[in-house]
Amino acid sequence: MLERALHQTRLEMVTSQLAARGIQDARVLEAMGTIPRECFVSPELESLAYWDGPLVIGHGQTISQPFMVAAMAASLVLQGDEVVLEVGAGSGYGAAVLSRLARQVVAVERIPELLEAARARWSALGLDNITGVLGDGTLGVPEWAPFDGICVTAAAPRIPPSLLMQLCPDQGRMIIPLGARAVQQLCLVRRVQAGEVQIIPQFACRFVPLLGEEGWDEVHGPET
């Protein structure tokens, strides 16, 4: 009974939270309607899985609002044959959605417990085109680069240089929240001709901070 109710709520989420707010990419809508978000939250929050907002997942982290997951995925304009990097695997939900849109997803996470749980969820759902990597997401995953798309699910004070260099020139797209710890702008980033970087602000947002060598220092703020 609960499974059927959650399925119906998921379909309603696609209609009322995503399509109604301008998410038009049919592949993104299908992915969001297919991946069971309830599998990526704790049992006590299962009934809130499709609530229009973020939910805590422990270790000071959250699973993002469904609209934000969809908007970030749509901004990458994926066709199905891309290799995508997700920075901040968290619960594993974002990578699961991306796995339905790209050929290969590399998801990096700095918290071992979160990555272990995410890997178990991916395996249980048969999502075999996701590779989970434990490490500093601000440094990317050079051995898998270059990436056609990079989705950064935590707020950075500036674009991490390592991620920019691992993004494919011209056609590659990075979606990343940039700004202060309190509030940011979600930005689309592209490497264009002659080394130029194009940054296109999308809308205001609020994410947990991106911690790491090229992100925020956990104690003192942005590293220099």
Protein backbone atom coordinates (compact mmCIF):
# COMPACT_ATOMS: atom_id res chain seq x y z
CA MET A 1 0.00 0.00 0.00
CA LEU A 2 2.77 2.46 0.97
CA GLU A 3 4.76 1.56 -2.15
CA ARG A 4 1.75 2.32 -4.35
CA ALA A 5 1.13 5.61 -2.55
CA LEU A 6 4.77 6.65 -2.94
CA HIS A 7 4.67 5.80 -6.64
CA GLN A 8 1.64 8.03 -7.08
CA THR A 9 3.28 10.81 -5.07
CA ARG A 10 6.36 10.52 -7.28
CA LEU A 11 4.27 11.03 -10.41
CA GLU A 12 2.54 14.00 -8.79
CA MET A 13 5.95 15.43 -7.90
CA VAL A 14 7.00 15.28 -11.56
CA THR A 15 3.86 17.15 -12.60
CA SER A 16 3.45 19.73 -9.83
CA GLN A 17 7.03 20.38 -8.69
CA LEU A 18 8.98 19.92 -11.93
CA ALA A 19 6.96 20.33 -15.13
CA ALA A 20 4.86 23.10 -13.60
CA ARG A 21 8.03 25.04 -12.78
CA GLY A 22 9.53 24.85 -16.23
CA ILE A 23 11.48 21.58 -16.35
CA GLN A 24 10.84 20.59 -19.96
CA ASP A 25 13.50 17.96 -20.70
CA ALA A 26 11.46 14.80 -21.21
CA ARG A 27 14.37 12.54 -20.31
CA VAL A 28 14.90 14.35 -17.00
CA LEU A 29 11.19 14.12 -16.17
CA GLU A 30 11.22 10.42 -16.98
CA ALA A 31 14.28 9.81 -14.81
CA MET A 32 12.76 11.71 -11.90
CA GLY A 33 9.58 9.70 -12.29
CA THR A 34 11.48 6.42 -12.38
CA ILE A 35 14.08 6.67 -9.61
CA PRO A 36 12.45 5.92 -6.20
CA ARG A 37 13.57 8.82 -4.02
CA GLU A 38 12.25 7.02 -0.93
CA CYS A 39 15.14 4.56 -1.25
CA PHE A 40 17.60 7.40 -0.62
CA VAL A 41 16.26 8.69 2.69
CA SER A 42 16.11 7.15 6.15
CA PRO A 43 13.05 4.97 6.94
CA GLU A 44 11.57 7.57 9.28
CA LEU A 45 11.58 10.15 6.46
CA GLU A 46 10.22 7.83 3.77
CA SER A 47 6.77 9.40 3.83
CA LEU A 48 8.40 12.80 3.17
CA ALA A 49 10.51 11.56 0.25
CA TYR A 50 8.66 13.73 -2.29
CA TRP A 51 8.29 16.80 -0.10
CA ASP A 52 9.19 20.00 -1.94
CA GLY A 53 12.41 20.64 -0.05
CA PRO A 54 15.71 19.12 1.13
CA LEU A 55 15.88 16.39 3.78
CA VAL A 56 18.69 15.61 6.20
CA ILE A 57 20.75 12.47 5.54
CA GLY A 58 23.21 12.74 8.44
CA HIS A 59 26.79 14.00 8.74
CA GLY A 60 25.57 17.57 8.25
CA GLN A 61 24.43 16.81 4.69
CA THR A 62 21.09 16.85 2.85
CA ILE A 63 19.35 15.29 -0.11
CA SER A 64 18.44 18.20 -2.35
CA GLN A 65 14.94 19.38 -3.16
CA PRO A 66 13.55 17.40 -6.14
CA PHE A 67 13.23 20.55 -8.26
CA MET A 68 16.90 21.37 -7.66
CA VAL A 69 18.01 17.88 -8.68
CA ALA A 70 15.94 18.12 -11.86
CA ALA A 71 17.06 21.66 -12.70
CA MET A 72 20.74 20.77 -12.31
CA ALA A 73 20.37 17.63 -14.39
CA ALA A 74 18.46 19.49 -17.11
CA SER A 75 21.13 22.21 -17.29
CA LEU A 76 23.68 19.63 -18.43
CA VAL A 77 21.59 18.88 -21.57
CA LEU A 78 22.58 15.21 -21.56
CA GLN A 79 21.84 13.04 -24.61
CA GLY A 80 22.82 9.63 -23.20
CA ASP A 81 26.42 9.00 -24.27
CA GLU A 82 28.21 11.33 -21.84
CA VAL A 83 30.57 10.74 -18.93
CA VAL A 84 29.43 12.89 -16.01
CA LEU A 85 31.08 13.76 -12.72
CA GLU A 86 28.95 14.40 -9.65
CA VAL A 87 30.75 16.19 -6.82
CA GLY A 88 29.08 15.34 -3.53
CA ALA A 89 27.35 11.98 -3.91
CA GLY A 90 25.55 12.34 -0.57
CA SER A 91 22.63 9.93 -0.42
CA GLY A 92 23.30 8.78 -3.99
CA TYR A 93 20.01 10.12 -5.38
CA GLY A 94 21.47 12.72 -7.74
CA ALA A 95 23.85 10.19 -9.27
CA ALA A 96 20.97 7.75 -9.67
CA VAL A 97 19.00 10.32 -11.67
CA LEU A 98 22.06 11.18 -13.76
CA SER A 99 22.68 7.48 -14.42
CA ARG A 100 19.42 7.40 -16.42
CA LEU A 101 20.62 10.33 -18.53
CA ALA A 102 24.33 9.61 -19.20
CA ARG A 103 26.43 6.62 -20.22
CA GLN A 104 28.63 6.77 -17.12
CA VAL A 105 28.44 8.66 -13.83
CA VAL A 106 31.43 9.13 -11.52
CA ALA A 107 30.24 10.25 -8.09
CA VAL A 108 32.82 11.49 -5.59
CA GLU A 109 32.06 11.77 -1.87
CA ARG A 110 34.32 12.74 1.04
CA ILE A 111 32.34 11.02 3.82
CA PRO A 112 32.96 7.24 3.80
CA GLU A 113 29.68 6.31 5.51
CA LEU A 114 27.60 8.22 2.97
CA LEU A 115 29.45 6.71 0.03
CA GLU A 116 29.08 3.18 1.41
CA ALA A 117 25.32 3.68 1.83
CA ALA A 118 25.00 5.24 -1.64
CA ARG A 119 26.83 2.32 -3.25
CA ALA A 120 24.46 -0.13 -1.55
CA ARG A 121 21.44 1.78 -2.88
CA TRP A 122 22.81 1.91 -6.42
CA SER A 123 23.49 -1.83 -6.31
CA ALA A 124 20.04 -2.65 -4.94
CA LEU A 125 18.44 -0.69 -7.80
CA GLY A 126 20.69 -2.26 -10.43
CA LEU A 127 22.32 1.06 -11.39
CA ASP A 128 25.55 -0.41 -12.71
CA ASN A 129 26.83 2.64 -14.60
CA ILE A 130 27.74 4.61 -11.46
CA THR A 131 31.26 4.53 -10.02
CA GLY A 132 31.56 5.84 -6.46
CA VAL A 133 34.88 7.41 -5.48
CA LEU A 134 35.97 8.42 -1.97
CA GLY A 135 37.93 11.65 -1.98
CA ASP A 136 38.11 15.43 -2.12
CA GLY A 137 35.49 16.42 -4.67
CA THR A 138 37.05 19.84 -5.25
CA LEU A 139 39.95 18.03 -6.96
CA GLY A 140 37.67 16.01 -9.22
CA VAL A 141 38.64 12.55 -10.45
CA PRO A 142 41.48 13.10 -12.96
CA GLU A 143 41.71 9.48 -14.04
CA TRP A 144 38.19 9.68 -15.49
CA ALA A 145 38.58 13.12 -17.08
CA PRO A 146 37.65 14.85 -19.28
CA PHE A 147 33.98 15.04 -18.34
CA ASP A 148 31.13 16.05 -20.62
CA GLY A 149 29.22 17.30 -17.59
CA ILE A 150 30.03 18.15 -13.98
CA CYS A 151 27.32 18.53 -11.36
CA VAL A 152 28.52 20.09 -8.09
CA THR A 153 26.01 19.57 -5.30
CA ALA A 154 27.62 21.82 -2.68
CA ALA A 155 28.33 25.56 -2.59
CA ALA A 156 31.76 26.82 -3.62
CA PRO A 157 33.30 30.26 -3.03
CA ARG A 158 34.70 30.08 -6.59
CA ILE A 159 35.06 27.56 -9.39
CA PRO A 160 37.60 24.92 -8.32
CA PRO A 161 40.42 25.06 -10.91
CA SER A 162 40.79 21.28 -10.96
CA LEU A 163 37.15 20.81 -11.90
CA LEU A 164 37.38 23.43 -14.63
CA MET A 165 40.41 21.70 -16.16
CA GLN A 166 38.60 18.34 -16.11
CA LEU A 167 35.62 19.76 -18.01
CA CYS A 168 35.56 19.14 -21.77
CA PRO A 169 36.18 22.38 -23.70
CA ASP A 170 33.40 23.84 -25.86
CA GLN A 171 30.67 21.24 -25.31
CA GLY A 172 31.27 20.49 -21.62
CA ARG A 173 28.94 21.98 -19.00
CA MET A 174 29.35 22.41 -15.26
CA ILE A 175 26.50 23.33 -12.94
CA ILE A 176 27.66 24.68 -9.59
CA PRO A 177 26.37 26.90 -6.75
CA LEU A 178 28.74 29.86 -6.32
CA GLY A 179 28.79 32.49 -3.59
CA ALA A 180 28.87 32.91 0.16
CA ARG A 181 28.08 30.20 2.69
CA ALA A 182 24.64 31.66 3.42
CA VAL A 183 23.29 32.05 -0.13
CA GLN A 184 24.55 31.37 -3.64
CA GLN A 185 23.74 31.62 -7.32
CA LEU A 186 23.39 28.40 -9.26
CA CYS A 187 25.68 28.93 -12.26
CA LEU A 188 26.25 27.19 -15.57
CA VAL A 189 29.96 27.16 -16.47
CA ARG A 190 31.54 26.41 -19.84
CA ARG A 191 35.10 26.43 -21.17
CA VAL A 192 35.00 28.21 -24.50
CA GLN A 193 37.58 29.24 -27.07
CA ALA A 194 41.02 30.58 -26.14
CA GLY A 195 40.73 29.45 -22.54
CA GLU A 196 37.80 31.77 -21.83
CA VAL A 197 35.34 30.73 -19.12
CA GLN A 198 31.67 31.50 -19.59
CA ILE A 199 29.59 31.77 -16.40
CA ILE A 200 25.80 32.05 -16.74
CA PRO A 201 23.88 32.65 -13.49
CA GLN A 202 20.64 30.68 -13.23
CA PHE A 203 18.87 31.50 -9.94
CA ALA A 204 19.48 31.95 -6.22
CA CYS A 205 19.94 28.83 -4.13
CA ARG A 206 21.29 27.55 -0.84
CA PHE A 207 23.52 24.49 -0.50
CA VAL A 208 25.80 23.02 2.15
CA PRO A 209 29.41 24.23 1.70
CA LEU A 210 31.81 22.47 -0.64
CA LEU A 211 34.68 21.49 1.66
CA GLY A 212 38.12 20.64 0.35
CA GLU A 213 41.43 21.85 -0.92
CA GLU A 214 39.88 24.05 -3.63
CA GLY A 215 36.64 24.85 -1.81
CA TRP A 216 35.78 26.04 1.67
CA ASP A 217 38.04 25.36 4.60
CA GLU A 218 35.91 23.55 7.19
CA VAL A 219 36.92 25.97 9.95
CA HIS A 220 38.24 29.16 8.47
CA GLY A 221 36.25 29.73 5.28
CA PRO A 222 37.56 29.73 1.69
CA GLU A 223 41.11 28.54 1.31
CA THR A 224 43.58 30.72 -0.55
